[in-house]
C-alpha atoms as a PDB file:
ATOM      1  CA  UNK A   1       0.000   0.000   0.000  1.00  0.00           C
ATOM      2  CA  UNK A   2       1.352   3.434  -0.879  1.00  0.00           C
ATOM      3  CA  UNK A   3       1.557   6.290   1.573  1.00  0.00           C
ATOM      4  CA  UNK A   4      -1.251   8.758   0.773  1.00  0.00           C
ATOM      5  CA  UNK A   5       1.046  11.628   1.753  1.00  0.00           C
ATOM      6  CA  UNK A   6       0.259  14.471   4.089  1.00  0.00           C
ATOM      7  CA  UNK A   7      -3.344  15.514   4.497  1.00  0.00           C
ATOM      8  CA  UNK A   8      -4.348  18.961   3.363  1.00  0.00           C
ATOM      9  CA  UNK A   9      -4.386  21.516   6.183  1.00  0.00           C
ATOM     10  CA  UNK A  10      -7.585  22.202   8.069  1.00  0.00           C
ATOM     11  CA  UNK A  11      -8.483  24.803  10.654  1.00  0.00           C
ATOM     12  CA  UNK A  12     -10.826  25.847  13.429  1.00  0.00           C
ATOM     13  CA  UNK A  13     -12.277  29.322  14.060  1.00  0.00           C
ATOM     14  CA  UNK A  14     -12.658  30.817  17.522  1.00  0.00           C
ATOM     15  CA  UNK A  15     -13.633  34.282  18.693  1.00  0.00           C
ATOM     16  CA  UNK A  16     -11.881  36.934  20.744  1.00  0.00           C
ATOM     17  CA  UNK A  17     -13.305  40.252  21.977  1.00  0.00           C
ATOM     18  CA  UNK A  18     -12.109  43.351  20.104  1.00  0.00           C
ATOM     19  CA  UNK A  19     -10.840  46.275  22.205  1.00  0.00           C
ATOM     20  CA  UNK A  20     -12.981  48.824  20.388  1.00  0.00           C
ATOM     21  CA  UNK A  21     -10.691  51.868  20.559  1.00  0.00           C
ATOM     22  CA  UNK A  22      -8.955  51.287  17.229  1.00  0.00           C
ATOM     23  CA  UNK A  23      -9.675  49.717  13.887  1.00  0.00           C
ATOM     24  CA  UNK A  24      -6.973  47.099  14.431  1.00  0.00           C
ATOM     25  CA  UNK A  25      -8.077  43.572  15.446  1.00  0.00           C
ATOM     26  CA  UNK A  26      -6.619  43.676  18.960  1.00  0.00           C
ATOM     27  CA  UNK A  27      -7.943  41.929  22.096  1.00  0.00           C
ATOM     28  CA  UNK A  28      -9.846  43.832  24.790  1.00  0.00           C
ATOM     29  CA  UNK A  29      -6.933  44.632  27.128  1.00  0.00           C
ATOM     30  CA  UNK A  30      -8.737  47.459  28.952  1.00  0.00           C
ATOM     31  CA  UNK A  31     -11.896  45.391  29.516  1.00  0.00           C
ATOM     32  CA  UNK A  32     -14.034  47.787  27.482  1.00  0.00           C
ATOM     33  CA  UNK A  33     -16.404  44.952  26.527  1.00  0.00           C
ATOM     34  CA  UNK A  34     -15.461  42.317  29.099  1.00  0.00           C
ATOM     35  CA  UNK A  35     -15.566  42.005  32.852  1.00  0.00           C
ATOM     36  CA  UNK A  36     -11.781  41.654  33.045  1.00  0.00           C
ATOM     37  CA  UNK A  37      -8.574  42.257  31.103  1.00  0.00           C
ATOM     38  CA  UNK A  38      -8.140  39.988  28.071  1.00  0.00           C
ATOM     39  CA  UNK A  39      -4.802  38.188  27.687  1.00  0.00           C
ATOM     40  CA  UNK A  40      -5.722  36.041  24.688  1.00  0.00           C
ATOM     41  CA  UNK A  41      -4.791  35.851  21.853  1.00  0.00           C
ATOM     42  CA  UNK A  42      -1.287  36.298  23.246  1.00  0.00           C
ATOM     43  CA  UNK A  43       0.417  38.152  20.388  1.00  0.00           C
ATOM     44  CA  UNK A  44       3.400  38.995  22.634  1.00  0.00           C
ATOM     45  CA  UNK A  45       4.394  35.342  23.131  1.00  0.00           C
ATOM     46  CA  UNK A  46       7.387  35.468  20.748  1.00  0.00           C
ATOM     47  CA  UNK A  47       8.442  38.986  21.753  1.00  0.00           C
ATOM     48  CA  UNK A  48       8.495  37.987  25.427  1.00  0.00           C
ATOM     49  CA  UNK A  49      10.786  35.056  24.564  1.00  0.00           C
ATOM     50  CA  UNK A  50      13.003  36.668  21.904  1.00  0.00           C
ATOM     51  CA  UNK A  51      11.522  34.483  19.146  1.00  0.00           C
ATOM     52  CA  UNK A  52      10.133  37.127  16.783  1.00  0.00           C
ATOM     53  CA  UNK A  53      12.711  37.033  13.986  1.00  0.00           C
ATOM     54  CA  UNK A  54      10.983  37.918  10.730  1.00  0.00           C
ATOM     55  CA  UNK A  55       7.623  36.582  11.969  1.00  0.00           C
ATOM     56  CA  UNK A  56       5.497  37.205  15.018  1.00  0.00           C
ATOM     57  CA  UNK A  57       4.929  34.137  17.166  1.00  0.00           C
ATOM     58  CA  UNK A  58       1.647  34.122  19.047  1.00  0.00           C
ATOM     59  CA  UNK A  59      -0.271  31.777  21.306  1.00  0.00           C
ATOM     60  CA  UNK A  60      -3.854  31.117  22.275  1.00  0.00           C
ATOM     61  CA  UNK A  61      -5.042  29.710  25.605  1.00  0.00           C
ATOM     62  CA  UNK A  62      -1.641  30.382  27.177  1.00  0.00           C
ATOM     63  CA  UNK A  63      -2.594  32.620  30.125  1.00  0.00           C
ATOM     64  CA  UNK A  64      -6.276  31.845  30.445  1.00  0.00           C
ATOM     65  CA  UNK A  65      -8.631  29.004  29.687  1.00  0.00           C
ATOM     66  CA  UNK A  66     -10.359  30.483  26.656  1.00  0.00           C
ATOM     67  CA  UNK A  67     -12.585  28.231  24.574  1.00  0.00           C
ATOM     68  CA  UNK A  68     -10.470  25.317  25.751  1.00  0.00           C
ATOM     69  CA  UNK A  69     -12.538  22.795  23.774  1.00  0.00           C
ATOM     70  CA  UNK A  70     -11.788  24.584  20.496  1.00  0.00           C
ATOM     71  CA  UNK A  71      -8.055  24.852  21.188  1.00  0.00           C
ATOM     72  CA  UNK A  72      -7.887  21.241  22.357  1.00  0.00           C
ATOM     73  CA  UNK A  73      -9.600  20.113  19.119  1.00  0.00           C
ATOM     74  CA  UNK A  74      -6.902  21.904  17.078  1.00  0.00           C
ATOM     75  CA  UNK A  75      -4.280  19.884  18.959  1.00  0.00           C
ATOM     76  CA  UNK A  76      -6.219  16.605  19.022  1.00  0.00           C
ATOM     77  CA  UNK A  77      -7.017  16.707  15.292  1.00  0.00           C
ATOM     78  CA  UNK A  78      -3.597  18.166  14.415  1.00  0.00           C
ATOM     79  CA  UNK A  79      -5.258  21.024  12.565  1.00  0.00           C
ATOM     80  CA  UNK A  80      -2.781  23.417  10.998  1.00  0.00           C
ATOM     81  CA  UNK A  81      -4.606  26.677  11.710  1.00  0.00           C
ATOM     82  CA  UNK A  82      -6.391  28.245  14.624  1.00  0.00           C
ATOM     83  CA  UNK A  83      -8.306  31.021  12.897  1.00  0.00           C
ATOM     84  CA  UNK A  84      -9.126  34.104  14.959  1.00  0.00           C
ATOM     85  CA  UNK A  85     -12.444  35.882  14.537  1.00  0.00           C
ATOM     86  CA  UNK A  86     -13.848  38.956  16.204  1.00  0.00           C
ATOM     87  CA  UNK A  87     -16.677  41.452  15.972  1.00  0.00           C
ATOM     88  CA  UNK A  88     -15.407  45.011  15.379  1.00  0.00           C
ATOM     89  CA  UNK A  89     -16.511  47.427  18.104  1.00  0.00           C
ATOM     90  CA  UNK A  90     -14.709  50.489  16.679  1.00  0.00           C
ATOM     91  CA  UNK A  91     -16.603  53.513  15.415  1.00  0.00           C
ATOM     92  CA  UNK A  92     -17.500  53.196  11.747  1.00  0.00           C
ATOM     93  CA  UNK A  93     -17.245  49.410  11.729  1.00  0.00           C
ATOM     94  CA  UNK A  94     -19.912  48.033   9.410  1.00  0.00           C
ATOM     95  CA  UNK A  95     -19.733  44.311  10.135  1.00  0.00           C
ATOM     96  CA  UNK A  96     -22.975  42.604  11.112  1.00  0.00           C
ATOM     97  CA  UNK A  97     -21.294  39.444  12.392  1.00  0.00           C
ATOM     98  CA  UNK A  98     -17.927  38.082  13.508  1.00  0.00           C
ATOM     99  CA  UNK A  99     -15.261  37.981  10.838  1.00  0.00           C
ATOM    100  CA  UNK A 100     -12.129  35.868  10.578  1.00  0.00           C
ATOM    101  CA  UNK A 101      -9.258  38.354  10.872  1.00  0.00           C
ATOM    102  CA  UNK A 102      -6.217  36.103  11.079  1.00  0.00           C
ATOM    103  CA  UNK A 103      -4.709  32.954  12.423  1.00  0.00           C
ATOM    104  CA  UNK A 104      -2.106  31.217  14.511  1.00  0.00           C
ATOM    105  CA  UNK A 105      -0.390  28.457  12.571  1.00  0.00           C
ATOM    106  CA  UNK A 106      -0.326  25.399  14.838  1.00  0.00           C
ATOM    107  CA  UNK A 107       3.430  24.806  14.876  1.00  0.00           C
ATOM    108  CA  UNK A 108       3.638  23.785  18.525  1.00  0.00           C
ATOM    109  CA  UNK A 109       1.489  23.424  21.600  1.00  0.00           C
ATOM    110  CA  UNK A 110       2.085  23.380  25.329  1.00  0.00           C
ATOM    111  CA  UNK A 111       0.016  21.909  28.123  1.00  0.00           C
ATOM    112  CA  UNK A 112      -0.182  24.771  30.613  1.00  0.00           C
ATOM    113  CA  UNK A 113      -2.087  22.744  33.198  1.00  0.00           C
ATOM    114  CA  UNK A 114      -3.433  19.216  33.180  1.00  0.00           C
ATOM    115  CA  UNK A 115      -6.539  20.382  31.365  1.00  0.00           C
ATOM    116  CA  UNK A 116      -5.417  23.473  29.429  1.00  0.00           C
ATOM    117  CA  UNK A 117      -3.387  23.434  26.237  1.00  0.00           C
ATOM    118  CA  UNK A 118      -2.051  26.435  24.304  1.00  0.00           C
ATOM    119  CA  UNK A 119      -1.520  26.533  20.544  1.00  0.00           C
ATOM    120  CA  UNK A 120       1.686  28.341  19.536  1.00  0.00           C
ATOM    121  CA  UNK A 121       2.981  29.476  16.149  1.00  0.00           C
ATOM    122  CA  UNK A 122       3.302  32.160  13.519  1.00  0.00           C
ATOM    123  CA  UNK A 123       0.525  34.704  13.914  1.00  0.00           C
ATOM    124  CA  UNK A 124      -0.994  36.858  11.179  1.00  0.00           C
ATOM    125  CA  UNK A 125      -3.725  39.466  11.582  1.00  0.00           C
ATOM    126  CA  UNK A 126      -5.570  41.433   8.899  1.00  0.00           C
ATOM    127  CA  UNK A 127      -7.851  44.494   8.958  1.00  0.00           C
ATOM    128  CA  UNK A 128     -11.530  43.881   9.671  1.00  0.00           C
ATOM    129  CA  UNK A 129     -12.466  45.081   6.192  1.00  0.00           C
ATOM    130  CA  UNK A 130     -10.527  42.125   4.734  1.00  0.00           C
ATOM    131  CA  UNK A 131     -12.033  39.630   7.160  1.00  0.00           C
ATOM    132  CA  UNK A 132     -14.199  36.679   6.164  1.00  0.00           C
ATOM    133  CA  UNK A 133     -17.456  35.939   7.975  1.00  0.00           C
ATOM    134  CA  UNK A 134     -17.858  32.282   9.007  1.00  0.00           C
ATOM    135  CA  UNK A 135     -21.337  32.484   7.428  1.00  0.00           C
ATOM    136  CA  UNK A 136     -19.551  32.185   4.065  1.00  0.00           C
ATOM    137  CA  UNK A 137     -18.951  28.581   5.109  1.00  0.00           C
ATOM    138  CA  UNK A 138     -22.633  27.913   5.915  1.00  0.00           C
ATOM    139  CA  UNK A 139     -22.456  28.798   9.615  1.00  0.00           C
ATOM    140  CA  UNK A 140     -25.178  30.910  11.186  1.00  0.00           C
ATOM    141  CA  UNK A 141     -24.152  34.603  11.367  1.00  0.00           C
ATOM    142  CA  UNK A 142     -23.465  35.804  14.899  1.00  0.00           C
ATOM    143  CA  UNK A 143     -21.815  38.637  16.807  1.00  0.00           C
ATOM    144  CA  UNK A 144     -21.549  36.385  19.852  1.00  0.00           C
ATOM    145  CA  UNK A 145     -19.528  33.308  20.712  1.00  0.00           C
ATOM    146  CA  UNK A 146     -18.825  30.708  18.049  1.00  0.00           C
ATOM    147  CA  UNK A 147     -19.559  27.985  20.594  1.00  0.00           C
ATOM    148  CA  UNK A 148     -17.240  25.997  22.852  1.00  0.00           C
ATOM    149  CA  UNK A 149     -15.723  24.092  19.915  1.00  0.00           C
ATOM    150  CA  UNK A 150     -15.532  27.042  17.541  1.00  0.00           C
ATOM    151  CA  UNK A 151     -16.233  26.468  13.864  1.00  0.00           C
ATOM    152  CA  UNK A 152     -14.450  23.707  11.976  1.00  0.00           C
ATOM    153  CA  UNK A 153     -13.095  24.441   8.479  1.00  0.00           C
ATOM    154  CA  UNK A 154     -12.348  21.596   6.099  1.00  0.00           C
ATOM    155  CA  UNK A 155      -9.344  21.571   3.771  1.00  0.00           C
ATOM    156  CA  UNK A 156     -10.965  23.526   0.925  1.00  0.00           C
ATOM    157  CA  UNK A 157     -12.408  26.143   3.304  1.00  0.00           C
ATOM    158  CA  UNK A 158      -9.045  26.494   5.042  1.00  0.00           C
ATOM    159  CA  UNK A 159      -7.321  26.945   1.686  1.00  0.00           C
ATOM    160  CA  UNK A 160      -9.915  29.552   0.705  1.00  0.00           C
ATOM    161  CA  UNK A 161      -9.199  31.601   3.849  1.00  0.00           C
ATOM    162  CA  UNK A 162      -5.408  31.397   3.401  1.00  0.00           C
ATOM    163  CA  UNK A 163      -5.640  32.349  -0.290  1.00  0.00           C
ATOM    164  CA  UNK A 164      -7.983  35.227   0.564  1.00  0.00           C
ATOM    165  CA  UNK A 165      -5.561  36.662   3.116  1.00  0.00           C
ATOM    166  CA  UNK A 166      -2.579  36.227   0.770  1.00  0.00           C
ATOM    167  CA  UNK A 167      -4.033  39.077  -1.337  1.00  0.00           C
ATOM    168  CA  UNK A 168      -3.630  41.613   1.470  1.00  0.00           C
ATOM    169  CA  UNK A 169      -0.801  42.985   3.606  1.00  0.00           C
ATOM    170  CA  UNK A 170      -1.082  41.874   7.210  1.00  0.00           C
ATOM    171  CA  UNK A 171      -1.224  44.295  10.154  1.00  0.00           C
ATOM    172  CA  UNK A 172       0.318  41.933  12.707  1.00  0.00           C
ATOM    173  CA  UNK A 173       3.201  44.243  13.608  1.00  0.00           C
ATOM    174  CA  UNK A 174       0.798  47.153  14.110  1.00  0.00           C
ATOM    175  CA  UNK A 175      -1.418  44.930  16.273  1.00  0.00           C
ATOM    176  CA  UNK A 176       1.564  43.964  18.420  1.00  0.00           C
ATOM    177  CA  UNK A 177       2.500  47.648  18.843  1.00  0.00           C
ATOM    178  CA  UNK A 178      -1.108  48.550  19.726  1.00  0.00           C
ATOM    179  CA  UNK A 179      -1.250  45.682  22.238  1.00  0.00           C
ATOM    180  CA  UNK A 180       1.913  46.908  23.946  1.00  0.00           C
ATOM    181  CA  UNK A 181       0.550  50.470  23.998  1.00  0.00           C
ATOM    182  CA  UNK A 182      -2.740  49.334  25.578  1.00  0.00           C
ATOM    183  CA  UNK A 183      -0.871  47.281  28.165  1.00  0.00           C
ATOM    184  CA  UNK A 184       1.231  50.335  29.136  1.00  0.00           C
ATOM    185  CA  UNK A 185      -1.891  52.515  29.380  1.00  0.00           C
ATOM    186  CA  UNK A 186      -3.855  50.031  31.456  1.00  0.00           C
ATOM    187  CA  UNK A 187      -1.139  48.566  33.625  1.00  0.00           C
ATOM    188  CA  UNK A 188      -2.654  45.234  32.443  1.00  0.00           C
ATOM    189  CA  UNK A 189      -2.244  43.494  35.778  1.00  0.00           C
ATOM    190  CA  UNK A 190      -4.905  41.845  37.841  1.00  0.00           C
ATOM    191  CA  UNK A 191      -7.447  39.236  36.967  1.00  0.00           C
ATOM    192  CA  UNK A 192      -7.700  38.173  33.386  1.00  0.00           C
ATOM    193  CA  UNK A 193      -9.727  35.964  31.131  1.00  0.00           C
ATOM    194  CA  UNK A 194      -9.556  35.186  27.459  1.00  0.00           C
END
């Protein structure tokens, strides 16, 4: 029997809460729309460890248990991408539902506790106006959570998202700078959730 070769990459979509003060897809560090400071997605992972050489290395589920079932499925199924979606809260945003605004390539993972795993890898983020709503893949439109397991994307859907984003310049570096700025402004200590 011949080896069928590697399977085509697949992905899973999960949501994070947008900070609302800028048009960049950055997490809600100041708790503008949450009850506590958001630490996920952890775009500073590579910077904090001196790993960002030519790419930004990010993590999800590193500091807080955030949609653990979705992140665990990425690891369990060896999915290549953890796609990040959010609903834009900034002024002038015209989205009517969450949009996929980037991804973390599942290059590594780390069990943070016995029941919490983090996905780690190259992170790319794109402006909301270039985002893709999960409804384009036959999921019900929503501004709210995408459920505990997120939204699964098969190989062709995953390829469609990656090809779509390849048309546009990413804003990952700007998002990292904005994250650091928000952390300085807020002191970003204290209790945190995803």
